[in-house]
Amino acid sequence: MGQGIGCPDKSRKSELALNQSMRKEEDGTEEAVERGDQQLRALRAVADLNNGAIGLYNMGLSCCLNSLLQVFFMNTHFTVILRRIRVPIEHAEQKKSVPYQMLLLLEQMQRSKQRAVYSQELVRCLTMHNLKLFVQYDAAQLFLSLWNLIKSQITDRELADRLTMLYTIRVQEYLVCQKCSFETRRDSNMLTLPLPMFNSCSQRLKTLEDSLRCFFQPEQLTDNNMCLCEQCERKTPCLQGMKLTCLPQTLTLHLKRFYYRKSSWTQKISYSLPFPQSLDFNQILTQEQCHPDAKEKIGSMISLVLLLTRD
């Protein structure tokens, strides 16, 4: 069977609207329809669109969940993993299995002739795992919760490892004492890169590349932020930062759209941040911001970028 697909998040027009507009602009000719389908297929990177773009109805303020599901389903690497999971035998286990319920929803979207389908079984399954309805979730938080549920419930170790490799960003954190130059390092894994919209001087960042450079920029820890140096045996000014070790097949970026002022007042950031269709991190980061062994692992162009905006 072909891959299922949902509509993109609210910051973009739906594929259906895009497809219809393409057909209208070319007076409904067969050539225009074919050209529109090719553009749509390239844009969404799915295996096929035999039944067009299928959306999801909002159930219990689940628009954030719907956007995440649609992004998961538009990733063919993910759907290949999903289609190979072991189906639970017991009916009760099927009801509680997030990967299985996602697979059923994917197949339902693939078969549907309607513009949208209901995801009530998956939503009911998620409520069994303490994801409540009628609650406004942070997109990155919900993504992390959903991803962890999927991974923990995939019983095939090989598939679980493939899922990890598909989304996991590997970095090396470091802390350098500014008094004695003693350095500590720690390898870490991340599912998202939380990118700022302003730099340390509260200046607006204008491109995604600028935001990435700002994220990997080392930070001076002084005054109340000083850290304990093992060699000096006291708190000292330190330089804190991280180096990129390895990029996944699917890079997930989280735009931090809330700005916290010193007065504890929170401001929503609503302006747009342009981003390219592909990224070459060797052109974005400096040699100091990349691990020495990471050159081959980050040198290729990243063509699939998944953006999570904080709502």
C-alpha atoms as a PDB file:
ATOM      1  CA  MET A   1       0.000   0.000   0.000  1.00  0.00           C
ATOM      2  CA  GLY A   2       1.087   3.569  -0.511  1.00  0.00           C
ATOM      3  CA  GLN A   3       1.944   5.942   2.271  1.00  0.00           C
ATOM      4  CA  GLY A   4      -0.765   7.951   4.029  1.00  0.00           C
ATOM      5  CA  ILE A   5      -0.511  11.680   4.376  1.00  0.00           C
ATOM      6  CA  GLY A   6      -2.127  14.432   6.425  1.00  0.00           C
ATOM      7  CA  CYS A   7      -2.367  18.171   6.079  1.00  0.00           C
ATOM      8  CA  PRO A   8       0.523  20.397   7.233  1.00  0.00           C
ATOM      9  CA  ASP A   9       0.324  22.538  10.350  1.00  0.00           C
ATOM     10  CA  LYS A  10      -1.640  25.741  10.532  1.00  0.00           C
ATOM     11  CA  SER A  11       1.317  27.867   9.468  1.00  0.00           C
ATOM     12  CA  ARG A  12       1.028  26.430   5.963  1.00  0.00           C
ATOM     13  CA  LYS A  13      -1.800  25.874   3.520  1.00  0.00           C
ATOM     14  CA  SER A  14      -3.145  22.366   3.222  1.00  0.00           C
ATOM     15  CA  GLU A  15      -1.964  20.129   0.415  1.00  0.00           C
ATOM     16  CA  LEU A  16      -5.519  19.941  -0.833  1.00  0.00           C
ATOM     17  CA  ALA A  17      -5.758  23.695  -1.160  1.00  0.00           C
ATOM     18  CA  LEU A  18      -2.348  23.751  -2.830  1.00  0.00           C
ATOM     19  CA  ASN A  19      -3.349  21.048  -5.289  1.00  0.00           C
ATOM     20  CA  GLN A  20      -6.652  22.775  -6.098  1.00  0.00           C
ATOM     21  CA  SER A  21      -4.972  26.118  -6.634  1.00  0.00           C
ATOM     22  CA  MET A  22      -2.444  24.522  -8.992  1.00  0.00           C
ATOM     23  CA  ARG A  23      -5.216  23.018 -11.058  1.00  0.00           C
ATOM     24  CA  LYS A  24      -7.190  26.258 -11.163  1.00  0.00           C
ATOM     25  CA  GLU A  25      -4.238  28.342 -12.272  1.00  0.00           C
ATOM     26  CA  GLU A  26      -3.670  26.091 -15.296  1.00  0.00           C
ATOM     27  CA  ASP A  27      -7.352  26.061 -16.355  1.00  0.00           C
ATOM     28  CA  GLY A  28      -7.792  22.443 -15.351  1.00  0.00           C
ATOM     29  CA  THR A  29      -5.643  20.962 -18.120  1.00  0.00           C
ATOM     30  CA  GLU A  30      -4.182  17.488 -17.668  1.00  0.00           C
ATOM     31  CA  GLU A  31      -0.679  18.873 -18.024  1.00  0.00           C
ATOM     32  CA  ALA A  32      -1.250  21.303 -15.171  1.00  0.00           C
ATOM     33  CA  VAL A  33      -2.681  18.584 -12.964  1.00  0.00           C
ATOM     34  CA  GLU A  34       0.321  16.357 -13.562  1.00  0.00           C
ATOM     35  CA  ARG A  35       2.717  19.221 -12.920  1.00  0.00           C
ATOM     36  CA  GLY A  36       0.879  20.125  -9.718  1.00  0.00           C
ATOM     37  CA  ASP A  37       0.981  16.539  -8.504  1.00  0.00           C
ATOM     38  CA  GLN A  38       4.716  16.362  -9.166  1.00  0.00           C
ATOM     39  CA  GLN A  39       5.315  19.578  -7.216  1.00  0.00           C
ATOM     40  CA  LEU A  40       3.158  18.345  -4.361  1.00  0.00           C
ATOM     41  CA  ARG A  41       4.920  14.975  -4.243  1.00  0.00           C
ATOM     42  CA  ALA A  42       8.329  16.626  -4.194  1.00  0.00           C
ATOM     43  CA  LEU A  43       7.222  19.075  -1.520  1.00  0.00           C
ATOM     44  CA  ARG A  44       5.888  16.437   0.867  1.00  0.00           C
ATOM     45  CA  ALA A  45       8.379  13.638   0.133  1.00  0.00           C
ATOM     46  CA  VAL A  46       5.780  10.886   0.272  1.00  0.00           C
ATOM     47  CA  ALA A  47       5.621   7.636  -1.694  1.00  0.00           C
ATOM     48  CA  ASP A  48       2.276   8.302  -3.402  1.00  0.00           C
ATOM     49  CA  LEU A  49      -0.789  10.526  -3.274  1.00  0.00           C
ATOM     50  CA  ASN A  50      -3.313   8.247  -4.916  1.00  0.00           C
ATOM     51  CA  ASN A  51      -6.193   9.556  -2.848  1.00  0.00           C
ATOM     52  CA  GLY A  52      -5.007  13.141  -2.549  1.00  0.00           C
ATOM     53  CA  ALA A  53      -4.291  14.965   0.692  1.00  0.00           C
ATOM     54  CA  ILE A  54      -6.252  13.687   3.695  1.00  0.00           C
ATOM     55  CA  GLY A  55      -6.608  15.764   6.846  1.00  0.00           C
ATOM     56  CA  LEU A  56      -7.568  15.024  10.445  1.00  0.00           C
ATOM     57  CA  TYR A  57     -10.551  16.403  12.302  1.00  0.00           C
ATOM     58  CA  ASN A  58      -9.805  18.313  15.480  1.00  0.00           C
ATOM     59  CA  MET A  59     -10.906  16.330  18.511  1.00  0.00           C
ATOM     60  CA  GLY A  60     -10.607  17.837  21.958  1.00  0.00           C
ATOM     61  CA  LEU A  61      -8.333  20.734  20.971  1.00  0.00           C
ATOM     62  CA  SER A  62      -5.982  18.265  19.269  1.00  0.00           C
ATOM     63  CA  CYS A  63      -4.821  20.592  16.472  1.00  0.00           C
ATOM     64  CA  CYS A  64      -1.250  20.432  17.796  1.00  0.00           C
ATOM     65  CA  LEU A  65      -1.437  16.627  17.887  1.00  0.00           C
ATOM     66  CA  ASN A  66      -2.859  16.537  14.359  1.00  0.00           C
ATOM     67  CA  SER A  67       0.024  18.619  13.032  1.00  0.00           C
ATOM     68  CA  LEU A  68       2.554  16.282  14.636  1.00  0.00           C
ATOM     69  CA  LEU A  69       0.817  13.179  13.296  1.00  0.00           C
ATOM     70  CA  GLN A  70       0.719  14.609   9.808  1.00  0.00           C
ATOM     71  CA  VAL A  71       4.429  15.425   9.953  1.00  0.00           C
ATOM     72  CA  PHE A  72       5.204  11.883  11.148  1.00  0.00           C
ATOM     73  CA  PHE A  73       3.121  10.392   8.335  1.00  0.00           C
ATOM     74  CA  MET A  74       4.793  12.580   5.699  1.00  0.00           C
ATOM     75  CA  ASN A  75       8.166  11.069   6.603  1.00  0.00           C
ATOM     76  CA  THR A  76       8.542   7.908   4.509  1.00  0.00           C
ATOM     77  CA  HIS A  77      11.445   6.713   6.680  1.00  0.00           C
ATOM     78  CA  PHE A  78       9.080   6.747   9.650  1.00  0.00           C
ATOM     79  CA  THR A  79       6.170   5.064   7.865  1.00  0.00           C
ATOM     80  CA  VAL A  80       8.468   2.243   6.704  1.00  0.00           C
ATOM     81  CA  ILE A  81       9.265   1.568  10.361  1.00  0.00           C
ATOM     82  CA  LEU A  82       5.606   1.870  11.344  1.00  0.00           C
ATOM     83  CA  ARG A  83       4.481  -0.663   8.744  1.00  0.00           C
ATOM     84  CA  ARG A  84       6.930  -3.276  10.073  1.00  0.00           C
ATOM     85  CA  ILE A  85       5.912  -3.243  13.726  1.00  0.00           C
ATOM     86  CA  ARG A  86       4.665  -6.410  15.380  1.00  0.00           C
ATOM     87  CA  VAL A  87       0.907  -6.201  15.816  1.00  0.00           C
ATOM     88  CA  PRO A  88      -0.212  -6.912  19.412  1.00  0.00           C
ATOM     89  CA  ILE A  89      -2.214 -10.140  19.691  1.00  0.00           C
ATOM     90  CA  GLU A  90      -4.636  -9.213  22.454  1.00  0.00           C
ATOM     91  CA  HIS A  91      -7.394  -6.698  21.698  1.00  0.00           C
ATOM     92  CA  ALA A  92      -6.669  -4.801  24.935  1.00  0.00           C
ATOM     93  CA  GLU A  93      -3.008  -4.480  23.967  1.00  0.00           C
ATOM     94  CA  GLN A  94      -3.985  -3.168  20.543  1.00  0.00           C
ATOM     95  CA  LYS A  95      -6.108  -0.481  22.177  1.00  0.00           C
ATOM     96  CA  LYS A  96      -3.119   0.687  24.256  1.00  0.00           C
ATOM     97  CA  SER A  97      -0.471   0.449  21.517  1.00  0.00           C
ATOM     98  CA  VAL A  98       0.367   3.895  20.147  1.00  0.00           C
ATOM     99  CA  PRO A  99       2.367   2.596  17.135  1.00  0.00           C
ATOM    100  CA  TYR A 100      -0.433   0.194  16.190  1.00  0.00           C
ATOM    101  CA  GLN A 101      -3.131   2.873  16.492  1.00  0.00           C
ATOM    102  CA  MET A 102      -0.980   5.216  14.393  1.00  0.00           C
ATOM    103  CA  LEU A 103      -0.654   2.479  11.785  1.00  0.00           C
ATOM    104  CA  LEU A 104      -4.430   2.006  11.693  1.00  0.00           C
ATOM    105  CA  LEU A 105      -4.903   5.753  11.303  1.00  0.00           C
ATOM    106  CA  LEU A 106      -2.332   5.859   8.508  1.00  0.00           C
ATOM    107  CA  GLU A 107      -4.157   3.093   6.636  1.00  0.00           C
ATOM    108  CA  GLN A 108      -7.491   4.824   7.218  1.00  0.00           C
ATOM    109  CA  MET A 109      -6.120   8.034   5.731  1.00  0.00           C
ATOM    110  CA  GLN A 110      -4.761   6.080   2.774  1.00  0.00           C
ATOM    111  CA  ARG A 111      -8.114   4.440   2.016  1.00  0.00           C
ATOM    112  CA  SER A 112     -10.364   7.410   2.730  1.00  0.00           C
ATOM    113  CA  LYS A 113     -12.203   9.248  -0.033  1.00  0.00           C
ATOM    114  CA  GLN A 114     -13.121  12.067   2.330  1.00  0.00           C
ATOM    115  CA  ARG A 115     -11.232  15.290   2.902  1.00  0.00           C
ATOM    116  CA  ALA A 116     -10.500  14.371   6.520  1.00  0.00           C
ATOM    117  CA  VAL A 117     -10.831  11.453   8.938  1.00  0.00           C
ATOM    118  CA  TYR A 118     -11.365  11.124  12.689  1.00  0.00           C
ATOM    119  CA  SER A 119      -8.546   9.970  14.954  1.00  0.00           C
ATOM    120  CA  GLN A 120     -10.704   9.016  17.926  1.00  0.00           C
ATOM    121  CA  GLU A 121      -9.112   5.582  18.492  1.00  0.00           C
ATOM    122  CA  LEU A 122      -5.598   7.009  18.606  1.00  0.00           C
ATOM    123  CA  VAL A 123      -6.728   9.896  20.808  1.00  0.00           C
ATOM    124  CA  ARG A 124      -8.426   7.422  23.153  1.00  0.00           C
ATOM    125  CA  CYS A 125      -5.221   5.388  23.211  1.00  0.00           C
ATOM    126  CA  LEU A 126      -3.161   8.455  24.130  1.00  0.00           C
ATOM    127  CA  THR A 127      -5.497   9.288  27.006  1.00  0.00           C
ATOM    128  CA  MET A 128      -4.614   5.874  28.462  1.00  0.00           C
ATOM    129  CA  HIS A 129      -1.035   7.152  28.649  1.00  0.00           C
ATOM    130  CA  ASN A 130      -1.927  10.380  30.493  1.00  0.00           C
ATOM    131  CA  LEU A 131      -2.128  12.655  27.458  1.00  0.00           C
ATOM    132  CA  LYS A 132      -5.301  14.566  28.252  1.00  0.00           C
ATOM    133  CA  LEU A 133      -7.844  16.160  25.934  1.00  0.00           C
ATOM    134  CA  PHE A 134      -8.777  19.851  26.054  1.00  0.00           C
ATOM    135  CA  VAL A 135      -5.263  20.743  27.214  1.00  0.00           C
ATOM    136  CA  GLN A 136      -3.055  23.198  25.325  1.00  0.00           C
ATOM    137  CA  TYR A 137       0.240  21.350  24.822  1.00  0.00           C
ATOM    138  CA  ASP A 138       3.584  22.766  23.846  1.00  0.00           C
ATOM    139  CA  ALA A 139       4.440  21.287  20.438  1.00  0.00           C
ATOM    140  CA  ALA A 140       7.953  20.205  21.436  1.00  0.00           C
ATOM    141  CA  GLN A 141       6.718  18.666  24.685  1.00  0.00           C
ATOM    142  CA  LEU A 142       3.998  16.736  22.865  1.00  0.00           C
ATOM    143  CA  PHE A 143       6.463  15.601  20.200  1.00  0.00           C
ATOM    144  CA  LEU A 144       8.803  14.253  22.877  1.00  0.00           C
ATOM    145  CA  SER A 145       5.966  12.459  24.709  1.00  0.00           C
ATOM    146  CA  LEU A 146       4.607  10.924  21.522  1.00  0.00           C
ATOM    147  CA  TRP A 147       8.054   9.851  20.275  1.00  0.00           C
ATOM    148  CA  ASN A 148       8.909   8.202  23.595  1.00  0.00           C
ATOM    149  CA  LEU A 149       5.610   6.302  23.603  1.00  0.00           C
ATOM    150  CA  ILE A 150       6.223   5.072  20.063  1.00  0.00           C
ATOM    151  CA  LYS A 151       9.766   3.936  20.788  1.00  0.00           C
ATOM    152  CA  SER A 152       8.970   2.257  24.109  1.00  0.00           C
ATOM    153  CA  GLN A 153       6.117   0.258  22.545  1.00  0.00           C
ATOM    154  CA  ILE A 154       8.021  -0.999  19.502  1.00  0.00           C
ATOM    155  CA  THR A 155       9.005  -4.513  20.573  1.00  0.00           C
ATOM    156  CA  ASP A 156      11.372  -5.143  17.667  1.00  0.00           C
ATOM    157  CA  ARG A 157      14.784  -3.916  18.847  1.00  0.00           C
ATOM    158  CA  GLU A 158      16.052  -3.326  15.319  1.00  0.00           C
ATOM    159  CA  LEU A 159      13.076  -1.108  14.463  1.00  0.00           C
ATOM    160  CA  ALA A 160      13.478   0.809  17.728  1.00  0.00           C
ATOM    161  CA  ASP A 161      17.146   1.414  16.888  1.00  0.00           C
ATOM    162  CA  ARG A 162      16.194   2.609  13.412  1.00  0.00           C
ATOM    163  CA  LEU A 163      13.710   5.038  14.938  1.00  0.00           C
ATOM    164  CA  THR A 164      16.432   6.354  17.239  1.00  0.00           C
ATOM    165  CA  MET A 165      18.862   6.833  14.363  1.00  0.00           C
ATOM    166  CA  LEU A 166      16.151   8.544  12.328  1.00  0.00           C
ATOM    167  CA  TYR A 167      15.547  11.359  14.835  1.00  0.00           C
ATOM    168  CA  THR A 168      18.410  11.509  17.374  1.00  0.00           C
ATOM    169  CA  ILE A 169      20.826  14.452  17.276  1.00  0.00           C
ATOM    170  CA  ARG A 170      24.192  13.715  18.907  1.00  0.00           C
ATOM    171  CA  VAL A 171      26.182  16.506  20.532  1.00  0.00           C
ATOM    172  CA  GLN A 172      29.091  16.867  22.926  1.00  0.00           C
ATOM    173  CA  GLU A 173      28.666  19.365  25.765  1.00  0.00           C
ATOM    174  CA  TYR A 174      31.738  20.984  27.269  1.00  0.00           C
ATOM    175  CA  LEU A 175      32.576  23.249  30.201  1.00  0.00           C
ATOM    176  CA  VAL A 176      35.938  25.055  30.385  1.00  0.00           C
ATOM    177  CA  CYS A 177      37.198  26.762  33.540  1.00  0.00           C
ATOM    178  CA  GLN A 178      38.427  30.254  32.707  1.00  0.00           C
ATOM    179  CA  LYS A 179      40.915  30.178  35.600  1.00  0.00           C
ATOM    180  CA  CYS A 180      42.814  26.925  35.044  1.00  0.00           C
ATOM    181  CA  SER A 181      41.473  25.815  31.600  1.00  0.00           C
ATOM    182  CA  PHE A 182      40.251  22.504  33.043  1.00  0.00           C
ATOM    183  CA  GLU A 183      37.669  21.050  30.659  1.00  0.00           C
ATOM    184  CA  THR A 184      34.869  18.548  31.215  1.00  0.00           C
ATOM    185  CA  ARG A 185      32.980  16.893  28.364  1.00  0.00           C
ATOM    186  CA  ARG A 186      29.786  14.890  28.114  1.00  0.00           C
ATOM    187  CA  ASP A 187      28.119  13.188  25.155  1.00  0.00           C
ATOM    188  CA  SER A 188      24.378  13.867  24.896  1.00  0.00           C
ATOM    189  CA  ASN A 189      21.447  12.985  22.676  1.00  0.00           C
ATOM    190  CA  MET A 190      18.693  15.385  21.648  1.00  0.00           C
ATOM    191  CA  LEU A 191      15.465  14.985  19.686  1.00  0.00           C
ATOM    192  CA  THR A 192      15.113  18.671  18.852  1.00  0.00           C
ATOM    193  CA  LEU A 193      17.326  21.716  18.580  1.00  0.00           C
ATOM    194  CA  PRO A 194      15.568  24.515  20.533  1.00  0.00           C
ATOM    195  CA  LEU A 195      16.452  27.526  18.422  1.00  0.00           C
ATOM    196  CA  PRO A 196      16.248  31.110  19.719  1.00  0.00           C
ATOM    197  CA  MET A 197      14.539  33.930  17.855  1.00  0.00           C
ATOM    198  CA  PHE A 198      16.789  36.575  19.470  1.00  0.00           C
ATOM    199  CA  ASN A 199      20.522  36.618  20.142  1.00  0.00           C
ATOM    200  CA  SER A 200      22.170  37.339  23.506  1.00  0.00           C
ATOM    201  CA  CYS A 201      21.904  41.085  22.824  1.00  0.00           C
ATOM    202  CA  SER A 202      18.123  40.784  22.294  1.00  0.00           C
ATOM    203  CA  GLN A 203      18.526  41.427  18.587  1.00  0.00           C
ATOM    204  CA  ARG A 204      16.160  39.695  16.216  1.00  0.00           C
ATOM    205  CA  LEU A 205      17.581  36.788  14.232  1.00  0.00           C
ATOM    206  CA  LYS A 206      16.584  37.052  10.587  1.00  0.00           C
ATOM    207  CA  THR A 207      17.286  33.570   9.178  1.00  0.00           C
ATOM    208  CA  LEU A 208      17.286  29.964  10.318  1.00  0.00           C
ATOM    209  CA  GLU A 209      21.036  29.817   9.737  1.00  0.00           C
ATOM    210  CA  ASP A 210      21.522  32.767  12.102  1.00  0.00           C
ATOM    211  CA  SER A 211      19.440  30.983  14.726  1.00  0.00           C
ATOM    212  CA  LEU A 212      21.528  27.813  14.395  1.00  0.00           C
ATOM    213  CA  ARG A 213      24.771  29.788  14.753  1.00  0.00           C
ATOM    214  CA  CYS A 214      23.382  31.495  17.847  1.00  0.00           C
ATOM    215  CA  PHE A 215      22.352  28.150  19.388  1.00  0.00           C
ATOM    216  CA  PHE A 216      25.875  26.718  19.039  1.00  0.00           C
ATOM    217  CA  GLN A 217      27.578  29.924  20.203  1.00  0.00           C
ATOM    218  CA  PRO A 218      29.515  29.311  23.485  1.00  0.00           C
ATOM    219  CA  GLU A 219      28.260  31.142  26.564  1.00  0.00           C
ATOM    220  CA  GLN A 220      30.270  32.792  29.331  1.00  0.00           C
ATOM    221  CA  LEU A 221      29.051  31.783  32.801  1.00  0.00           C
ATOM    222  CA  THR A 222      29.929  34.452  35.353  1.00  0.00           C
ATOM    223  CA  ASP A 223      28.671  35.908  38.652  1.00  0.00           C
ATOM    224  CA  ASN A 224      25.719  33.844  39.914  1.00  0.00           C
ATOM    225  CA  ASN A 225      26.069  31.437  37.001  1.00  0.00           C
ATOM    226  CA  MET A 226      29.623  30.294  37.814  1.00  0.00           C
ATOM    227  CA  CYS A 227      30.222  26.533  38.010  1.00  0.00           C
ATOM    228  CA  LEU A 228      32.257  24.368  40.336  1.00  0.00           C
ATOM    229  CA  CYS A 229      35.668  23.526  38.867  1.00  0.00           C
ATOM    230  CA  GLU A 230      36.963  20.109  39.977  1.00  0.00           C
ATOM    231  CA  GLN A 231      40.569  21.241  39.706  1.00  0.00           C
ATOM    232  CA  CYS A 232      40.197  24.636  41.394  1.00  0.00           C
ATOM    233  CA  GLU A 233      37.732  23.135  43.893  1.00  0.00           C
ATOM    234  CA  ARG A 234      35.603  26.258  43.850  1.00  0.00           C
ATOM    235  CA  LYS A 235      33.158  28.061  41.632  1.00  0.00           C
ATOM    236  CA  THR A 236      34.859  29.873  38.776  1.00  0.00           C
ATOM    237  CA  PRO A 237      33.861  31.671  35.556  1.00  0.00           C
ATOM    238  CA  CYS A 238      33.380  29.079  32.821  1.00  0.00           C
ATOM    239  CA  LEU A 239      32.826  28.816  29.090  1.00  0.00           C
ATOM    240  CA  GLN A 240      29.884  26.544  28.288  1.00  0.00           C
ATOM    241  CA  GLY A 241      28.996  25.215  24.855  1.00  0.00           C
ATOM    242  CA  MET A 242      28.328  22.200  22.706  1.00  0.00           C
ATOM    243  CA  LYS A 243      29.721  20.656  19.552  1.00  0.00           C
ATOM    244  CA  LEU A 244      27.666  18.871  16.943  1.00  0.00           C
ATOM    245  CA  THR A 245      28.647  15.208  16.679  1.00  0.00           C
ATOM    246  CA  CYS A 246      26.128  13.608  14.341  1.00  0.00           C
ATOM    247  CA  LEU A 247      22.971  14.660  12.507  1.00  0.00           C
ATOM    248  CA  PRO A 248      19.996  12.312  12.040  1.00  0.00           C
ATOM    249  CA  GLN A 249      18.143  11.622   8.802  1.00  0.00           C
ATOM    250  CA  THR A 250      15.297  13.801  10.060  1.00  0.00           C
ATOM    251  CA  LEU A 251      16.388  16.984  11.760  1.00  0.00           C
ATOM    252  CA  THR A 252      13.792  18.437  14.142  1.00  0.00           C
ATOM    253  CA  LEU A 253      14.013  22.134  14.924  1.00  0.00           C
ATOM    254  CA  HIS A 254      12.037  23.807  17.684  1.00  0.00           C
ATOM    255  CA  LEU A 255      11.533  27.545  17.303  1.00  0.00           C
ATOM    256  CA  LYS A 256      11.288  29.113  20.762  1.00  0.00           C
ATOM    257  CA  ARG A 257       8.482  31.567  20.182  1.00  0.00           C
ATOM    258  CA  PHE A 258       8.198  32.861  23.737  1.00  0.00           C
ATOM    259  CA  TYR A 259      10.472  35.633  24.945  1.00  0.00           C
ATOM    260  CA  TYR A 260      11.043  35.852  28.703  1.00  0.00           C
ATOM    261  CA  ARG A 261      11.956  39.289  30.020  1.00  0.00           C
ATOM    262  CA  LYS A 262      13.711  39.989  33.323  1.00  0.00           C
ATOM    263  CA  SER A 263      10.444  41.253  34.794  1.00  0.00           C
ATOM    264  CA  SER A 264       9.005  37.705  34.422  1.00  0.00           C
ATOM    265  CA  TRP A 265       6.750  39.003  31.667  1.00  0.00           C
ATOM    266  CA  THR A 266       6.314  36.605  28.732  1.00  0.00           C
ATOM    267  CA  GLN A 267       5.906  37.834  25.168  1.00  0.00           C
ATOM    268  CA  LYS A 268       4.772  35.761  22.196  1.00  0.00           C
ATOM    269  CA  ILE A 269       7.054  36.092  19.161  1.00  0.00           C
ATOM    270  CA  SER A 270       4.948  36.076  16.011  1.00  0.00           C
ATOM    271  CA  TYR A 271       7.247  37.160  13.201  1.00  0.00           C
ATOM    272  CA  SER A 272       8.351  34.700  10.526  1.00  0.00           C
ATOM    273  CA  LEU A 273      11.802  33.131  10.227  1.00  0.00           C
ATOM    274  CA  PRO A 274      12.822  32.268   6.644  1.00  0.00           C
ATOM    275  CA  PHE A 275      14.464  28.891   6.137  1.00  0.00           C
ATOM    276  CA  PRO A 276      15.936  27.121   3.084  1.00  0.00           C
ATOM    277  CA  GLN A 277      14.834  23.763   1.697  1.00  0.00           C
ATOM    278  CA  SER A 278      18.240  22.278   2.503  1.00  0.00           C
ATOM    279  CA  LEU A 279      20.996  22.943   5.003  1.00  0.00           C
ATOM    280  CA  ASP A 280      24.736  22.314   4.852  1.00  0.00           C
ATOM    281  CA  PHE A 281      26.029  22.495   8.416  1.00  0.00           C
ATOM    282  CA  ASN A 282      29.627  22.702   7.221  1.00  0.00           C
ATOM    283  CA  GLN A 283      28.661  26.075   5.784  1.00  0.00           C
ATOM    284  CA  ILE A 284      26.817  27.180   8.927  1.00  0.00           C
ATOM    285  CA  LEU A 285      28.955  26.088  11.877  1.00  0.00           C
ATOM    286  CA  THR A 286      32.621  26.762  12.525  1.00  0.00           C
ATOM    287  CA  GLN A 287      35.231  24.048  13.059  1.00  0.00           C
ATOM    288  CA  GLU A 288      35.113  24.768  16.810  1.00  0.00           C
ATOM    289  CA  GLN A 289      31.371  24.052  16.836  1.00  0.00           C
ATOM    290  CA  CYS A 290      31.735  20.611  15.242  1.00  0.00           C
ATOM    291  CA  HIS A 291      33.324  17.550  16.780  1.00  0.00           C
ATOM    292  CA  PRO A 292      36.558  16.536  14.968  1.00  0.00           C
ATOM    293  CA  ASP A 293      35.095  13.118  14.099  1.00  0.00           C
ATOM    294  CA  ALA A 294      31.806  14.563  12.853  1.00  0.00           C
ATOM    295  CA  LYS A 295      32.806  16.028   9.492  1.00  0.00           C
ATOM    296  CA  GLU A 296      31.586  13.080   7.412  1.00  0.00           C
ATOM    297  CA  LYS A 297      28.462  12.717   9.524  1.00  0.00           C
ATOM    298  CA  ILE A 298      27.254  16.302   9.075  1.00  0.00           C
ATOM    299  CA  GLY A 299      28.676  17.232   5.711  1.00  0.00           C
ATOM    300  CA  SER A 300      25.741  16.095   3.601  1.00  0.00           C
ATOM    301  CA  MET A 301      22.886  18.413   2.800  1.00  0.00           C
ATOM    302  CA  ILE A 302      19.843  18.088   5.062  1.00  0.00           C
ATOM    303  CA  SER A 303      16.799  18.125   2.793  1.00  0.00           C
ATOM    304  CA  LEU A 304      14.088  17.105   5.264  1.00  0.00           C
ATOM    305  CA  VAL A 305      13.662  19.683   7.993  1.00  0.00           C
ATOM    306  CA  LEU A 306      10.782  19.402  10.417  1.00  0.00           C
ATOM    307  CA  LEU A 307       9.881  22.617  12.179  1.00  0.00           C
ATOM    308  CA  LEU A 308       8.022  22.696  15.476  1.00  0.00           C
ATOM    309  CA  THR A 309       6.780  26.110  16.508  1.00  0.00           C
ATOM    310  CA  ARG A 310       5.895  26.688  20.093  1.00  0.00           C
ATOM    311  CA  ASP A 311       2.210  27.636  20.301  1.00  0.00           C
END
